[in-house]
Amino acid sequence: MTQTDFSDLTFEQALAQLQKLVEELESGDGSLEESLARYEQGMKLAAYCNELLDKAELRVQELLPTGEEVPFSGPLDSRS
């Protein structure tokens, strides 16, 4: 996988790909070159996910009447 344009991926899809890459790296399978390629891909996916999160945060701030930041009071792990 050497995709560099992730614009067609949703946040959830990008995060799932990132998790898969992390699992592959943690398994230790593959050559050094393959591991480096996975790492590079993972860093790009992480940056893309962060970009999407930043955009979502800006949208939420725009929806607030004063535009102020409001502390998050929900569960830290959204799966719980």
PDB file of N, CA and C in Angstrom:
ATOM      1  N   MET A   1       0.842  -1.163   0.000  1.00  0.00           N
ATOM      2  CA  MET A   1       0.000   0.000   0.000  1.00  0.00           C
ATOM      3  C   MET A   1       0.899   1.242   0.000  1.00  0.00           C
ATOM      4  N   THR A   2       0.812   2.034  -1.044  1.00  0.00           N
ATOM      5  CA  THR A   2       1.616   3.251  -1.113  1.00  0.00           C
ATOM      6  C   THR A   2       0.754   4.458  -1.441  1.00  0.00           C
ATOM      7  N   GLN A   3      -0.471   4.444  -1.012  1.00  0.00           N
ATOM      8  CA  GLN A   3      -1.391   5.540  -1.273  1.00  0.00           C
ATOM      9  C   GLN A   3      -0.916   6.788  -0.534  1.00  0.00           C
ATOM     10  N   THR A   4      -0.930   7.923  -1.221  1.00  0.00           N
ATOM     11  CA  THR A   4      -0.574   9.178  -0.570  1.00  0.00           C
ATOM     12  C   THR A   4      -1.728  10.169  -0.587  1.00  0.00           C
ATOM     13  N   ASP A   5      -2.725   9.961  -1.442  1.00  0.00           N
ATOM     14  CA  ASP A   5      -3.906  10.819  -1.480  1.00  0.00           C
ATOM     15  C   ASP A   5      -5.033  10.075  -0.774  1.00  0.00           C
ATOM     16  N   PHE A   6      -5.384  10.570   0.396  1.00  0.00           N
ATOM     17  CA  PHE A   6      -6.395   9.901   1.207  1.00  0.00           C
ATOM     18  C   PHE A   6      -7.737  10.611   1.151  1.00  0.00           C
ATOM     19  N   SER A   7      -7.882  11.588   0.255  1.00  0.00           N
ATOM     20  CA  SER A   7      -9.070  12.430   0.244  1.00  0.00           C
ATOM     21  C   SER A   7     -10.366  11.649   0.027  1.00  0.00           C
ATOM     22  N   ASP A   8     -10.263  10.433  -0.491  1.00  0.00           N
ATOM     23  CA  ASP A   8     -11.470   9.626  -0.697  1.00  0.00           C
ATOM     24  C   ASP A   8     -11.824   8.789   0.528  1.00  0.00           C
ATOM     25  N   LEU A   9     -10.997   8.852   1.580  1.00  0.00           N
ATOM     26  CA  LEU A   9     -11.246   8.062   2.788  1.00  0.00           C
ATOM     27  C   LEU A   9     -11.958   8.885   3.844  1.00  0.00           C
ATOM     28  N   THR A  10     -12.885   8.243   4.535  1.00  0.00           N
ATOM     29  CA  THR A  10     -13.482   8.874   5.708  1.00  0.00           C
ATOM     30  C   THR A  10     -12.483   8.750   6.859  1.00  0.00           C
ATOM     31  N   PHE A  11     -12.748   9.468   7.926  1.00  0.00           N
ATOM     32  CA  PHE A  11     -11.888   9.364   9.105  1.00  0.00           C
ATOM     33  C   PHE A  11     -11.822   7.919   9.597  1.00  0.00           C
ATOM     34  N   GLU A  12     -12.994   7.284   9.642  1.00  0.00           N
ATOM     35  CA  GLU A  12     -13.059   5.909  10.154  1.00  0.00           C
ATOM     36  C   GLU A  12     -12.265   4.940   9.275  1.00  0.00           C
ATOM     37  N   GLN A  13     -12.330   5.123   7.976  1.00  0.00           N
ATOM     38  CA  GLN A  13     -11.577   4.255   7.063  1.00  0.00           C
ATOM     39  C   GLN A  13     -10.077   4.471   7.228  1.00  0.00           C
ATOM     40  N   ALA A  14      -9.669   5.737   7.320  1.00  0.00           N
ATOM     41  CA  ALA A  14      -8.254   6.046   7.489  1.00  0.00           C
ATOM     42  C   ALA A  14      -7.739   5.494   8.810  1.00  0.00           C
ATOM     43  N   LEU A  15      -8.529   5.628   9.858  1.00  0.00           N
ATOM     44  CA  LEU A  15      -8.124   5.118  11.170  1.00  0.00           C
ATOM     45  C   LEU A  15      -8.010   3.595  11.144  1.00  0.00           C
ATOM     46  N   ALA A  16      -8.929   2.927  10.465  1.00  0.00           N
ATOM     47  CA  ALA A  16      -8.873   1.465  10.358  1.00  0.00           C
ATOM     48  C   ALA A  16      -7.610   1.034   9.614  1.00  0.00           C
ATOM     49  N   GLN A  17      -7.255   1.748   8.547  1.00  0.00           N
ATOM     50  CA  GLN A  17      -6.029   1.425   7.815  1.00  0.00           C
ATOM     51  C   GLN A  17      -4.807   1.649   8.694  1.00  0.00           C
ATOM     52  N   LEU A  18      -4.826   2.724   9.465  1.00  0.00           N
ATOM     53  CA  LEU A  18      -3.717   3.013  10.366  1.00  0.00           C
ATOM     54  C   LEU A  18      -3.578   1.918  11.420  1.00  0.00           C
ATOM     55  N   GLN A  19      -4.687   1.487  11.980  1.00  0.00           N
ATOM     56  CA  GLN A  19      -4.637   0.414  12.983  1.00  0.00           C
ATOM     57  C   GLN A  19      -4.096  -0.877  12.384  1.00  0.00           C
ATOM     58  N   LYS A  20      -4.480  -1.161  11.146  1.00  0.00           N
ATOM     59  CA  LYS A  20      -3.985  -2.361  10.470  1.00  0.00           C
ATOM     60  C   LYS A  20      -2.474  -2.279  10.271  1.00  0.00           C
ATOM     61  N   LEU A  21      -1.993  -1.113   9.861  1.00  0.00           N
ATOM     62  CA  LEU A  21      -0.554  -0.936   9.674  1.00  0.00           C
ATOM     63  C   LEU A  21       0.200  -1.115  10.988  1.00  0.00           C
ATOM     64  N   VAL A  22      -0.358  -0.574  12.068  1.00  0.00           N
ATOM     65  CA  VAL A  22       0.282  -0.722  13.377  1.00  0.00           C
ATOM     66  C   VAL A  22       0.369  -2.197  13.764  1.00  0.00           C
ATOM     67  N   GLU A  23      -0.719  -2.935  13.541  1.00  0.00           N
ATOM     68  CA  GLU A  23      -0.704  -4.372  13.849  1.00  0.00           C
ATOM     69  C   GLU A  23       0.355  -5.099  13.029  1.00  0.00           C
ATOM     70  N   GLU A  24       0.454  -4.746  11.744  1.00  0.00           N
ATOM     71  CA  GLU A  24       1.460  -5.380  10.882  1.00  0.00           C
ATOM     72  C   GLU A  24       2.870  -5.057  11.367  1.00  0.00           C
ATOM     73  N   LEU A  25       3.096  -3.814  11.774  1.00  0.00           N
ATOM     74  CA  LEU A  25       4.417  -3.440  12.280  1.00  0.00           C
ATOM     75  C   LEU A  25       4.730  -4.159  13.591  1.00  0.00           C
ATOM     76  N   GLU A  26       3.736  -4.257  14.456  1.00  0.00           N
ATOM     77  CA  GLU A  26       3.940  -4.917  15.744  1.00  0.00           C
ATOM     78  C   GLU A  26       4.206  -6.403  15.594  1.00  0.00           C
ATOM     79  N   SER A  27       3.700  -7.005  14.510  1.00  0.00           N
ATOM     80  CA  SER A  27       3.909  -8.440  14.310  1.00  0.00           C
ATOM     81  C   SER A  27       5.368  -8.755  13.988  1.00  0.00           C
ATOM     82  N   GLY A  28       6.082  -7.774  13.439  1.00  0.00           N
ATOM     83  CA  GLY A  28       7.485  -7.988  13.118  1.00  0.00           C
ATOM     84  C   GLY A  28       7.707  -8.761  11.838  1.00  0.00           C
ATOM     85  N   ASP A  29       6.641  -9.095  11.131  1.00  0.00           N
ATOM     86  CA  ASP A  29       6.776  -9.822   9.870  1.00  0.00           C
ATOM     87  C   ASP A  29       7.210  -8.863   8.768  1.00  0.00           C
ATOM     88  N   GLY A  30       7.892  -9.387   7.802  1.00  0.00           N
ATOM     89  CA  GLY A  30       8.292  -8.577   6.657  1.00  0.00           C
ATOM     90  C   GLY A  30       9.721  -8.073   6.789  1.00  0.00           C
ATOM     91  N   SER A  31      10.201  -7.575   5.693  1.00  0.00           N
ATOM     92  CA  SER A  31      11.574  -7.076   5.642  1.00  0.00           C
ATOM     93  C   SER A  31      11.658  -5.673   6.247  1.00  0.00           C
ATOM     94  N   LEU A  32      12.864  -5.211   6.411  1.00  0.00           N
ATOM     95  CA  LEU A  32      13.087  -3.862   6.901  1.00  0.00           C
ATOM     96  C   LEU A  32      12.467  -2.850   5.950  1.00  0.00           C
ATOM     97  N   GLU A  33      12.645  -3.063   4.661  1.00  0.00           N
ATOM     98  CA  GLU A  33      12.102  -2.143   3.656  1.00  0.00           C
ATOM     99  C   GLU A  33      10.571  -2.090   3.730  1.00  0.00           C
ATOM    100  N   GLU A  34       9.934  -3.248   3.904  1.00  0.00           N
ATOM    101  CA  GLU A  34       8.474  -3.290   4.033  1.00  0.00           C
ATOM    102  C   GLU A  34       8.020  -2.563   5.302  1.00  0.00           C
ATOM    103  N   SER A  35       8.758  -2.771   6.374  1.00  0.00           N
ATOM    104  CA  SER A  35       8.415  -2.110   7.634  1.00  0.00           C
ATOM    105  C   SER A  35       8.544  -0.599   7.511  1.00  0.00           C
ATOM    106  N   LEU A  36       9.591  -0.138   6.845  1.00  0.00           N
ATOM    107  CA  LEU A  36       9.761   1.301   6.643  1.00  0.00           C
ATOM    108  C   LEU A  36       8.632   1.879   5.798  1.00  0.00           C
ATOM    109  N   ALA A  37       8.227   1.157   4.772  1.00  0.00           N
ATOM    110  CA  ALA A  37       7.125   1.615   3.921  1.00  0.00           C
ATOM    111  C   ALA A  37       5.832   1.685   4.735  1.00  0.00           C
ATOM    112  N   ARG A  38       5.608   0.697   5.591  1.00  0.00           N
ATOM    113  CA  ARG A  38       4.412   0.709   6.448  1.00  0.00           C
ATOM    114  C   ARG A  38       4.455   1.886   7.412  1.00  0.00           C
ATOM    115  N   TYR A  39       5.643   2.127   7.978  1.00  0.00           N
ATOM    116  CA  TYR A  39       5.791   3.232   8.915  1.00  0.00           C
ATOM    117  C   TYR A  39       5.502   4.563   8.227  1.00  0.00           C
ATOM    118  N   GLU A  40       6.074   4.758   7.045  1.00  0.00           N
ATOM    119  CA  GLU A  40       5.844   5.997   6.299  1.00  0.00           C
ATOM    120  C   GLU A  40       4.364   6.172   5.974  1.00  0.00           C
ATOM    121  N   GLN A  41       3.735   5.092   5.554  1.00  0.00           N
ATOM    122  CA  GLN A  41       2.304   5.141   5.234  1.00  0.00           C
ATOM    123  C   GLN A  41       1.496   5.475   6.485  1.00  0.00           C
ATOM    124  N   GLY A  42       1.880   4.877   7.599  1.00  0.00           N
ATOM    125  CA  GLY A  42       1.197   5.144   8.863  1.00  0.00           C
ATOM    126  C   GLY A  42       1.318   6.589   9.295  1.00  0.00           C
ATOM    127  N   MET A  43       2.491   7.177   9.102  1.00  0.00           N
ATOM    128  CA  MET A  43       2.689   8.578   9.455  1.00  0.00           C
ATOM    129  C   MET A  43       1.810   9.482   8.588  1.00  0.00           C
ATOM    130  N   LYS A  44       1.674   9.148   7.316  1.00  0.00           N
ATOM    131  CA  LYS A  44       0.821   9.928   6.420  1.00  0.00           C
ATOM    132  C   LYS A  44      -0.647   9.785   6.821  1.00  0.00           C
ATOM    133  N   LEU A  45      -1.055   8.566   7.161  1.00  0.00           N
ATOM    134  CA  LEU A  45      -2.430   8.346   7.602  1.00  0.00           C
ATOM    135  C   LEU A  45      -2.714   9.084   8.910  1.00  0.00           C
ATOM    136  N   ALA A  46      -1.760   9.056   9.831  1.00  0.00           N
ATOM    137  CA  ALA A  46      -1.939   9.759  11.104  1.00  0.00           C
ATOM    138  C   ALA A  46      -2.095  11.259  10.872  1.00  0.00           C
ATOM    139  N   ALA A  47      -1.293  11.813   9.973  1.00  0.00           N
ATOM    140  CA  ALA A  47      -1.395  13.238   9.659  1.00  0.00           C
ATOM    141  C   ALA A  47      -2.762  13.552   9.039  1.00  0.00           C
ATOM    142  N   TYR A  48      -3.226  12.677   8.158  1.00  0.00           N
ATOM    143  CA  TYR A  48      -4.539  12.867   7.532  1.00  0.00           C
ATOM    144  C   TYR A  48      -5.646  12.818   8.585  1.00  0.00           C
ATOM    145  N   CYS A  49      -5.577  11.856   9.494  1.00  0.00           N
ATOM    146  CA  CYS A  49      -6.577  11.752  10.559  1.00  0.00           C
ATOM    147  C   CYS A  49      -6.566  13.016  11.426  1.00  0.00           C
ATOM    148  N   ASN A  50      -5.380  13.504  11.768  1.00  0.00           N
ATOM    149  CA  ASN A  50      -5.278  14.723  12.570  1.00  0.00           C
ATOM    150  C   ASN A  50      -5.864  15.919  11.837  1.00  0.00           C
ATOM    151  N   GLU A  51      -5.632  15.981  10.538  1.00  0.00           N
ATOM    152  CA  GLU A  51      -6.192  17.060   9.730  1.00  0.00           C
ATOM    153  C   GLU A  51      -7.723  17.027   9.773  1.00  0.00           C
ATOM    154  N   LEU A  52      -8.294  15.833   9.623  1.00  0.00           N
ATOM    155  CA  LEU A  52      -9.755  15.704   9.678  1.00  0.00           C
ATOM    156  C   LEU A  52     -10.294  16.081  11.052  1.00  0.00           C
ATOM    157  N   LEU A  53      -9.594  15.685  12.102  1.00  0.00           N
ATOM    158  CA  LEU A  53     -10.026  16.042  13.458  1.00  0.00           C
ATOM    159  C   LEU A  53      -9.961  17.550  13.675  1.00  0.00           C
ATOM    160  N   ASP A  54      -8.911  18.192  13.175  1.00  0.00           N
ATOM    161  CA  ASP A  54      -8.795  19.646  13.303  1.00  0.00           C
ATOM    162  C   ASP A  54      -9.942  20.351  12.585  1.00  0.00           C
ATOM    163  N   LYS A  55     -10.281  19.870  11.387  1.00  0.00           N
ATOM    164  CA  LYS A  55     -11.388  20.465  10.633  1.00  0.00           C
ATOM    165  C   LYS A  55     -12.709  20.282  11.376  1.00  0.00           C
ATOM    166  N   ALA A  56     -12.907  19.115  11.964  1.00  0.00           N
ATOM    167  CA  ALA A  56     -14.132  18.857  12.713  1.00  0.00           C
ATOM    168  C   ALA A  56     -14.212  19.770  13.932  1.00  0.00           C
ATOM    169  N   GLU A  57     -13.084  19.970  14.598  1.00  0.00           N
ATOM    170  CA  GLU A  57     -13.063  20.851  15.765  1.00  0.00           C
ATOM    171  C   GLU A  57     -13.424  22.281  15.369  1.00  0.00           C
ATOM    172  N   LEU A  58     -12.910  22.747  14.249  1.00  0.00           N
ATOM    173  CA  LEU A  58     -13.247  24.091  13.780  1.00  0.00           C
ATOM    174  C   LEU A  58     -14.733  24.215  13.475  1.00  0.00           C
ATOM    175  N   ARG A  59     -15.297  23.180  12.875  1.00  0.00           N
ATOM    176  CA  ARG A  59     -16.735  23.208  12.565  1.00  0.00           C
ATOM    177  C   ARG A  59     -17.563  23.287  13.840  1.00  0.00           C
ATOM    178  N   VAL A  60     -17.167  22.546  14.854  1.00  0.00           N
ATOM    179  CA  VAL A  60     -17.896  22.565  16.127  1.00  0.00           C
ATOM    180  C   VAL A  60     -17.788  23.945  16.755  1.00  0.00           C
ATOM    181  N   GLN A  61     -16.595  24.532  16.725  1.00  0.00           N
ATOM    182  CA  GLN A  61     -16.417  25.869  17.301  1.00  0.00           C
ATOM    183  C   GLN A  61     -17.275  26.894  16.570  1.00  0.00           C
ATOM    184  N   GLU A  62     -17.401  26.747  15.268  1.00  0.00           N
ATOM    185  CA  GLU A  62     -18.231  27.670  14.498  1.00  0.00           C
ATOM    186  C   GLU A  62     -19.708  27.523  14.866  1.00  0.00           C
ATOM    187  N   LEU A  63     -20.106  26.349  15.296  1.00  0.00           N
ATOM    188  CA  LEU A  63     -21.504  26.119  15.655  1.00  0.00           C
ATOM    189  C   LEU A  63     -21.843  26.679  17.038  1.00  0.00           C
ATOM    190  N   LEU A  64     -20.846  26.848  17.869  1.00  0.00           N
ATOM    191  CA  LEU A  64     -21.090  27.390  19.208  1.00  0.00           C
ATOM    192  C   LEU A  64     -21.431  28.873  19.079  1.00  0.00           C
ATOM    193  N   PRO A  65     -22.381  29.354  19.867  1.00  0.00           N
ATOM    194  CA  PRO A  65     -22.828  30.745  19.735  1.00  0.00           C
ATOM    195  C   PRO A  65     -21.701  31.772  19.885  1.00  0.00           C
ATOM    196  N   THR A  66     -20.781  31.533  20.789  1.00  0.00           N
ATOM    197  CA  THR A  66     -19.710  32.505  21.026  1.00  0.00           C
ATOM    198  C   THR A  66     -18.418  32.128  20.310  1.00  0.00           C
ATOM    199  N   GLY A  67     -18.368  30.941  19.733  1.00  0.00           N
ATOM    200  CA  GLY A  67     -17.151  30.482  19.074  1.00  0.00           C
ATOM    201  C   GLY A  67     -16.082  30.034  20.052  1.00  0.00           C
ATOM    202  N   GLU A  68     -16.437  29.998  21.334  1.00  0.00           N
ATOM    203  CA  GLU A  68     -15.465  29.613  22.355  1.00  0.00           C
ATOM    204  C   GLU A  68     -15.284  28.106  22.406  1.00  0.00           C
ATOM    205  N   GLU A  69     -14.174  27.700  22.963  1.00  0.00           N
ATOM    206  CA  GLU A  69     -13.924  26.272  23.141  1.00  0.00           C
ATOM    207  C   GLU A  69     -14.641  25.813  24.404  1.00  0.00           C
ATOM    208  N   VAL A  70     -15.194  24.617  24.319  1.00  0.00           N
ATOM    209  CA  VAL A  70     -15.897  24.034  25.457  1.00  0.00           C
ATOM    210  C   VAL A  70     -15.188  22.732  25.803  1.00  0.00           C
ATOM    211  N   PRO A  71     -14.844  22.546  27.077  1.00  0.00           N
ATOM    212  CA  PRO A  71     -14.159  21.307  27.463  1.00  0.00           C
ATOM    213  C   PRO A  71     -15.017  20.084  27.128  1.00  0.00           C
ATOM    214  N   PHE A  72     -14.366  19.038  26.650  1.00  0.00           N
ATOM    215  CA  PHE A  72     -15.061  17.802  26.316  1.00  0.00           C
ATOM    216  C   PHE A  72     -15.391  17.074  27.606  1.00  0.00           C
ATOM    217  N   SER A  73     -16.651  16.676  27.757  1.00  0.00           N
ATOM    218  CA  SER A  73     -17.042  16.017  29.005  1.00  0.00           C
ATOM    219  C   SER A  73     -17.518  14.588  28.785  1.00  0.00           C
ATOM    220  N   GLY A  74     -17.363  14.079  27.571  1.00  0.00           N
ATOM    221  CA  GLY A  74     -17.785  12.718  27.274  1.00  0.00           C
ATOM    222  C   GLY A  74     -16.698  11.715  27.629  1.00  0.00           C
ATOM    223  N   PRO A  75     -16.955  10.447  27.356  1.00  0.00           N
ATOM    224  CA  PRO A  75     -15.940   9.422  27.622  1.00  0.00           C
ATOM    225  C   PRO A  75     -14.749   9.602  26.698  1.00  0.00           C
ATOM    226  N   LEU A  76     -13.551   9.368  27.218  1.00  0.00           N
ATOM    227  CA  LEU A  76     -12.348   9.501  26.393  1.00  0.00           C
ATOM    228  C   LEU A  76     -12.279   8.444  25.312  1.00  0.00           C
ATOM    229  N   ASP A  77     -12.793   7.277  25.592  1.00  0.00           N
ATOM    230  CA  ASP A  77     -12.818   6.212  24.597  1.00  0.00           C
ATOM    231  C   ASP A  77     -14.228   6.143  24.043  1.00  0.00           C
ATOM    232  N   SER A  78     -14.398   6.556  22.797  1.00  0.00           N
ATOM    233  CA  SER A  78     -15.731   6.644  22.206  1.00  0.00           C
ATOM    234  C   SER A  78     -16.398   5.286  22.040  1.00  0.00           C
ATOM    235  N   ARG A  79     -15.622   4.213  22.193  1.00  0.00           N
ATOM    236  CA  ARG A  79     -16.190   2.875  22.066  1.00  0.00           C
ATOM    237  C   ARG A  79     -16.800   2.396  23.373  1.00  0.00           C
ATOM    238  N   SER A  80     -16.642   3.158  24.439  1.00  0.00           N
ATOM    239  CA  SER A  80     -17.182   2.690  25.725  1.00  0.00           C
ATOM    240  C   SER A  80     -18.566   3.231  25.991  1.00  0.00           C
TER     241      SER A  80
END
